Amino acid sequence: MAEKITFDMHVGQRQMMAEMARMRAGASALPLPPMANGVTGMQQPSFGAVLNQAISHRDNVQHAASVQQPAQETGRRVDSAAAMLESQKDSVAFSVLAQVRDRLSTAFDDVINTTL
């Protein structure tokens, strides 16, 4: 029985590897989209807009988590897995935002300390 399971796992792994190779070949055959620049008329979003969007996303995730947690604590019918997932999403979003802030601060310090 164990030999059958092991054989089935190897067959499944080979099929998955073949599928990944097929997808890789298909992806590399596709042309890359043109870069956004002034010539094409497309505008790249400003740094401030991207940062505001990231902060807004983090705020939305935090709000979703804060709605789930009190409901679970008071005993109302709430999916425990969904509440935990929202809490984890909030934690990850906060960590990412803190890392971005730290890297921006370091980059700003590097620019300020650069001698011309």
N, C-alpha and C. Protein backbone atom coordinates (compact mmCIF):
# COMPACT_ATOMS: atom_id res chain seq x y z
N MET A 1 0.82 -1.19 0.00
CA MET A 1 0.00 0.00 0.00
C MET A 1 0.87 1.25 0.00
N ALA A 2 1.93 1.27 0.82
CA ALA A 2 2.81 2.43 0.90
C ALA A 2 3.52 2.64 -0.44
N GLU A 3 3.87 1.55 -1.13
CA GLU A 3 4.52 1.67 -2.43
C GLU A 3 3.58 2.32 -3.43
N LYS A 4 2.30 2.00 -3.38
CA LYS A 4 1.30 2.58 -4.28
C LYS A 4 1.18 4.09 -4.04
N ILE A 5 1.14 4.51 -2.76
CA ILE A 5 1.03 5.92 -2.42
C ILE A 5 2.27 6.67 -2.89
N THR A 6 3.46 6.08 -2.65
CA THR A 6 4.70 6.70 -3.08
C THR A 6 4.74 6.84 -4.60
N PHE A 7 4.33 5.79 -5.32
CA PHE A 7 4.30 5.83 -6.78
C PHE A 7 3.34 6.92 -7.26
N ASP A 8 2.16 7.01 -6.63
CA ASP A 8 1.17 8.02 -7.01
C ASP A 8 1.72 9.43 -6.75
N MET A 9 2.48 9.60 -5.67
CA MET A 9 3.05 10.90 -5.37
C MET A 9 4.07 11.29 -6.43
N HIS A 10 4.89 10.33 -6.86
CA HIS A 10 5.90 10.62 -7.89
C HIS A 10 5.23 10.97 -9.21
N VAL A 11 4.17 10.27 -9.55
CA VAL A 11 3.44 10.57 -10.78
C VAL A 11 2.84 11.98 -10.69
N GLY A 12 2.26 12.30 -9.56
CA GLY A 12 1.69 13.63 -9.36
C GLY A 12 2.74 14.72 -9.43
N GLN A 13 3.92 14.46 -8.85
CA GLN A 13 5.00 15.43 -8.90
C GLN A 13 5.48 15.63 -10.33
N ARG A 14 5.60 14.55 -11.09
CA ARG A 14 6.03 14.67 -12.49
C ARG A 14 5.02 15.46 -13.30
N GLN A 15 3.74 15.21 -13.05
CA GLN A 15 2.71 15.94 -13.78
C GLN A 15 2.76 17.43 -13.42
N MET A 16 2.95 17.73 -12.14
CA MET A 16 3.03 19.11 -11.72
C MET A 16 4.25 19.80 -12.33
N MET A 17 5.38 19.13 -12.34
CA MET A 17 6.60 19.70 -12.92
C MET A 17 6.42 19.93 -14.42
N ALA A 18 5.79 19.00 -15.11
CA ALA A 18 5.54 19.16 -16.54
C ALA A 18 4.62 20.35 -16.79
N GLU A 19 3.60 20.50 -15.95
CA GLU A 19 2.67 21.63 -16.09
C GLU A 19 3.38 22.95 -15.83
N MET A 20 4.26 22.99 -14.83
CA MET A 20 5.02 24.20 -14.54
C MET A 20 5.96 24.55 -15.69
N ALA A 21 6.60 23.54 -16.29
CA ALA A 21 7.48 23.78 -17.43
C ALA A 21 6.69 24.32 -18.62
N ARG A 22 5.48 23.77 -18.83
CA ARG A 22 4.64 24.24 -19.93
C ARG A 22 4.23 25.69 -19.69
N MET A 23 3.87 26.02 -18.45
CA MET A 23 3.48 27.39 -18.13
C MET A 23 4.65 28.35 -18.28
N ARG A 24 5.85 27.92 -17.87
CA ARG A 24 7.03 28.76 -17.99
C ARG A 24 7.34 29.05 -19.45
N ALA A 25 7.22 28.01 -20.29
CA ALA A 25 7.48 28.19 -21.72
C ALA A 25 6.44 29.13 -22.33
N GLY A 26 5.20 28.98 -21.92
CA GLY A 26 4.15 29.86 -22.44
C GLY A 26 4.34 31.29 -21.99
N ALA A 27 4.77 31.48 -20.75
CA ALA A 27 4.95 32.83 -20.22
C ALA A 27 6.14 33.52 -20.88
N SER A 28 7.19 32.78 -21.15
CA SER A 28 8.37 33.41 -21.77
C SER A 28 8.13 33.72 -23.25
N ALA A 29 7.14 33.08 -23.85
CA ALA A 29 6.84 33.35 -25.25
C ALA A 29 6.01 34.62 -25.43
N LEU A 30 5.35 35.08 -24.36
CA LEU A 30 4.52 36.27 -24.46
C LEU A 30 5.40 37.53 -24.46
N PRO A 31 5.08 38.50 -25.32
CA PRO A 31 5.86 39.74 -25.30
C PRO A 31 5.52 40.56 -24.06
N LEU A 32 6.49 41.29 -23.57
CA LEU A 32 6.26 42.13 -22.42
C LEU A 32 5.49 43.38 -22.84
N PRO A 33 4.60 43.86 -22.00
CA PRO A 33 3.87 45.08 -22.35
C PRO A 33 4.82 46.27 -22.36
N PRO A 34 4.51 47.28 -23.15
CA PRO A 34 5.41 48.44 -23.20
C PRO A 34 5.41 49.17 -21.87
N MET A 35 6.53 49.76 -21.55
CA MET A 35 6.64 50.52 -20.31
C MET A 35 5.84 51.81 -20.44
N ALA A 36 5.26 52.23 -19.37
CA ALA A 36 4.51 53.48 -19.38
C ALA A 36 5.49 54.64 -19.41
N ASN A 37 5.29 55.52 -20.35
CA ASN A 37 6.13 56.71 -20.42
C ASN A 37 5.34 57.84 -21.08
N GLY A 38 5.97 58.98 -21.23
CA GLY A 38 5.30 60.13 -21.80
C GLY A 38 4.95 59.96 -23.27
N VAL A 39 5.67 59.09 -23.98
CA VAL A 39 5.44 58.92 -25.41
C VAL A 39 4.12 58.21 -25.67
N THR A 40 3.79 57.21 -24.87
CA THR A 40 2.56 56.44 -25.09
C THR A 40 1.34 57.13 -24.52
N GLY A 41 1.53 58.19 -23.76
CA GLY A 41 0.41 58.88 -23.16
C GLY A 41 -0.04 58.28 -21.84
N MET A 42 0.53 57.15 -21.45
CA MET A 42 0.18 56.52 -20.18
C MET A 42 0.99 57.19 -19.08
N GLN A 43 0.37 57.40 -17.94
CA GLN A 43 1.08 58.01 -16.84
C GLN A 43 1.34 56.98 -15.76
N GLN A 44 2.54 57.02 -15.24
CA GLN A 44 2.84 56.16 -14.11
C GLN A 44 2.31 56.84 -12.86
N PRO A 45 1.81 56.08 -11.91
CA PRO A 45 1.31 56.71 -10.69
C PRO A 45 2.47 57.33 -9.92
N SER A 46 2.20 58.41 -9.25
CA SER A 46 3.24 59.07 -8.48
C SER A 46 3.56 58.24 -7.24
N PHE A 47 4.71 58.51 -6.67
CA PHE A 47 5.12 57.79 -5.47
C PHE A 47 4.13 58.05 -4.34
N GLY A 48 3.69 59.29 -4.23
CA GLY A 48 2.74 59.65 -3.19
C GLY A 48 1.42 58.90 -3.34
N ALA A 49 0.97 58.74 -4.59
CA ALA A 49 -0.29 58.03 -4.83
C ALA A 49 -0.17 56.56 -4.44
N VAL A 50 0.96 55.96 -4.78
CA VAL A 50 1.17 54.55 -4.43
C VAL A 50 1.26 54.39 -2.91
N LEU A 51 1.95 55.30 -2.26
CA LEU A 51 2.07 55.23 -0.80
C LEU A 51 0.70 55.43 -0.14
N ASN A 52 -0.07 56.40 -0.62
CA ASN A 52 -1.42 56.61 -0.07
C ASN A 52 -2.30 55.39 -0.29
N GLN A 53 -2.17 54.73 -1.43
CA GLN A 53 -2.95 53.53 -1.71
C GLN A 53 -2.56 52.41 -0.74
N ALA A 54 -1.27 52.27 -0.47
CA ALA A 54 -0.80 51.23 0.46
C ALA A 54 -1.32 51.50 1.87
N ILE A 55 -1.29 52.76 2.30
CA ILE A 55 -1.78 53.10 3.63
C ILE A 55 -3.28 52.87 3.71
N SER A 56 -3.99 53.24 2.65
CA SER A 56 -5.44 53.02 2.62
C SER A 56 -5.78 51.53 2.68
N HIS A 57 -5.00 50.72 1.95
CA HIS A 57 -5.22 49.26 1.98
C HIS A 57 -5.00 48.71 3.39
N ARG A 58 -3.94 49.17 4.04
CA ARG A 58 -3.64 48.71 5.40
C ARG A 58 -4.77 49.12 6.35
N ASP A 59 -5.29 50.32 6.15
CA ASP A 59 -6.39 50.80 6.98
C ASP A 59 -7.63 49.93 6.79
N ASN A 60 -7.92 49.57 5.54
CA ASN A 60 -9.08 48.71 5.27
C ASN A 60 -8.93 47.33 5.90
N VAL A 61 -7.73 46.78 5.82
CA VAL A 61 -7.47 45.47 6.43
C VAL A 61 -7.61 45.55 7.94
N GLN A 62 -7.10 46.63 8.53
CA GLN A 62 -7.20 46.80 9.97
C GLN A 62 -8.67 46.93 10.39
N HIS A 63 -9.44 47.67 9.62
CA HIS A 63 -10.86 47.83 9.94
C HIS A 63 -11.59 46.48 9.88
N ALA A 64 -11.30 45.67 8.85
CA ALA A 64 -11.95 44.36 8.72
C ALA A 64 -11.60 43.47 9.92
N ALA A 65 -10.36 43.53 10.37
CA ALA A 65 -9.95 42.73 11.52
C ALA A 65 -10.60 43.24 12.80
N SER A 66 -10.71 44.56 12.93
CA SER A 66 -11.28 45.11 14.16
C SER A 66 -12.77 44.85 14.27
N VAL A 67 -13.44 44.62 13.15
CA VAL A 67 -14.86 44.29 13.18
C VAL A 67 -15.05 42.83 13.62
N GLN A 68 -14.18 41.95 13.17
CA GLN A 68 -14.31 40.52 13.48
C GLN A 68 -13.98 40.21 14.94
N GLN A 69 -12.94 40.85 15.47
CA GLN A 69 -12.45 40.47 16.79
C GLN A 69 -13.47 40.70 17.92
N PRO A 70 -14.10 41.87 18.05
CA PRO A 70 -15.07 42.03 19.14
C PRO A 70 -16.27 41.09 19.01
N ALA A 71 -16.67 40.82 17.78
CA ALA A 71 -17.80 39.91 17.58
C ALA A 71 -17.47 38.52 18.11
N GLN A 72 -16.24 38.09 17.89
CA GLN A 72 -15.84 36.77 18.36
C GLN A 72 -15.69 36.78 19.89
N GLU A 73 -15.15 37.84 20.43
CA GLU A 73 -14.94 37.91 21.87
C GLU A 73 -16.25 37.95 22.65
N THR A 74 -17.28 38.54 22.08
CA THR A 74 -18.57 38.63 22.77
C THR A 74 -19.43 37.40 22.56
N GLY A 75 -18.97 36.46 21.78
CA GLY A 75 -19.67 35.20 21.61
C GLY A 75 -20.68 35.17 20.48
N ARG A 76 -20.74 36.23 19.68
CA ARG A 76 -21.64 36.20 18.54
C ARG A 76 -21.13 35.19 17.52
N ARG A 77 -22.04 34.69 16.71
CA ARG A 77 -21.67 33.67 15.73
C ARG A 77 -20.78 34.30 14.66
N VAL A 78 -19.51 33.94 14.73
CA VAL A 78 -18.52 34.43 13.78
C VAL A 78 -17.64 33.25 13.41
N ASP A 79 -17.26 33.19 12.16
CA ASP A 79 -16.34 32.15 11.71
C ASP A 79 -14.97 32.40 12.33
N SER A 80 -14.52 31.51 13.20
CA SER A 80 -13.24 31.69 13.91
C SER A 80 -12.07 31.75 12.94
N ALA A 81 -12.13 30.92 11.92
CA ALA A 81 -11.04 30.91 10.94
C ALA A 81 -10.98 32.24 10.20
N ALA A 82 -12.11 32.81 9.86
CA ALA A 82 -12.13 34.09 9.17
C ALA A 82 -11.60 35.20 10.07
N ALA A 83 -11.95 35.15 11.34
CA ALA A 83 -11.45 36.15 12.29
C ALA A 83 -9.94 36.05 12.44
N MET A 84 -9.43 34.84 12.55
CA MET A 84 -7.98 34.65 12.65
C MET A 84 -7.28 35.10 11.38
N LEU A 85 -7.87 34.79 10.25
CA LEU A 85 -7.28 35.19 8.97
C LEU A 85 -7.21 36.70 8.85
N GLU A 86 -8.28 37.38 9.22
CA GLU A 86 -8.28 38.85 9.16
C GLU A 86 -7.22 39.42 10.11
N SER A 87 -7.08 38.82 11.28
CA SER A 87 -6.08 39.28 12.23
C SER A 87 -4.67 39.09 11.67
N GLN A 88 -4.42 37.95 11.03
CA GLN A 88 -3.11 37.70 10.44
C GLN A 88 -2.84 38.64 9.27
N LYS A 89 -3.87 38.90 8.45
CA LYS A 89 -3.71 39.85 7.34
C LYS A 89 -3.33 41.22 7.89
N ASP A 90 -3.98 41.62 8.97
CA ASP A 90 -3.68 42.92 9.58
C ASP A 90 -2.24 42.96 10.06
N SER A 91 -1.80 41.90 10.69
CA SER A 91 -0.44 41.83 11.20
C SER A 91 0.59 41.92 10.07
N VAL A 92 0.34 41.19 8.99
CA VAL A 92 1.26 41.20 7.85
C VAL A 92 1.26 42.58 7.18
N ALA A 93 0.09 43.16 7.01
CA ALA A 93 0.00 44.48 6.37
C ALA A 93 0.75 45.52 7.19
N PHE A 94 0.62 45.45 8.52
CA PHE A 94 1.34 46.39 9.38
C PHE A 94 2.84 46.19 9.26
N SER A 95 3.29 44.94 9.25
CA SER A 95 4.72 44.65 9.14
C SER A 95 5.29 45.16 7.82
N VAL A 96 4.55 44.95 6.75
CA VAL A 96 5.01 45.41 5.44
C VAL A 96 5.11 46.93 5.42
N LEU A 97 4.09 47.60 5.94
CA LEU A 97 4.10 49.05 5.96
C LEU A 97 5.25 49.58 6.81
N ALA A 98 5.53 48.94 7.93
CA ALA A 98 6.66 49.36 8.77
C ALA A 98 7.99 49.15 8.06
N GLN A 99 8.13 48.04 7.33
CA GLN A 99 9.37 47.81 6.58
C GLN A 99 9.55 48.82 5.47
N VAL A 100 8.46 49.15 4.78
CA VAL A 100 8.54 50.17 3.72
C VAL A 100 8.95 51.50 4.33
N ARG A 101 8.35 51.87 5.45
CA ARG A 101 8.72 53.11 6.12
C ARG A 101 10.20 53.13 6.49
N ASP A 102 10.70 52.02 7.04
CA ASP A 102 12.10 51.95 7.44
C ASP A 102 13.03 52.07 6.23
N ARG A 103 12.66 51.40 5.14
CA ARG A 103 13.51 51.46 3.94
C ARG A 103 13.48 52.85 3.32
N LEU A 104 12.33 53.50 3.33
CA LEU A 104 12.25 54.86 2.81
C LEU A 104 13.08 55.81 3.65
N SER A 105 13.03 55.63 4.95
CA SER A 105 13.82 56.46 5.84
C SER A 105 15.31 56.27 5.58
N THR A 106 15.73 55.03 5.41
CA THR A 106 17.13 54.75 5.11
C THR A 106 17.54 55.34 3.76
N ALA A 107 16.68 55.19 2.76
CA ALA A 107 16.98 55.75 1.44
C ALA A 107 17.07 57.27 1.51
N PHE A 108 16.16 57.89 2.24
CA PHE A 108 16.20 59.35 2.39
C PHE A 108 17.49 59.78 3.07
N ASP A 109 17.90 59.08 4.13
CA ASP A 109 19.15 59.40 4.81
C ASP A 109 20.33 59.24 3.87
N ASP A 110 20.33 58.21 3.03
CA ASP A 110 21.41 58.00 2.06
C ASP A 110 21.48 59.14 1.06
N VAL A 111 20.33 59.60 0.60
CA VAL A 111 20.31 60.72 -0.36
C VAL A 111 20.81 61.99 0.29
N ILE A 112 20.38 62.25 1.51
CA ILE A 112 20.81 63.45 2.22
C ILE A 112 22.31 63.43 2.48
N ASN A 113 22.85 62.28 2.79
CA ASN A 113 24.28 62.17 3.12
C ASN A 113 25.17 62.00 1.91
N THR A 114 24.59 61.95 0.72
CA THR A 114 25.39 61.81 -0.49
C THR A 114 26.10 63.13 -0.77
N THR A 115 27.39 63.02 -1.02
CA THR A 115 28.15 64.23 -1.37
C THR A 115 28.28 64.32 -2.88
N LEU A 116 28.12 65.51 -3.36
CA LEU A 116 28.19 65.72 -4.82
C LEU A 116 29.53 66.21 -5.22
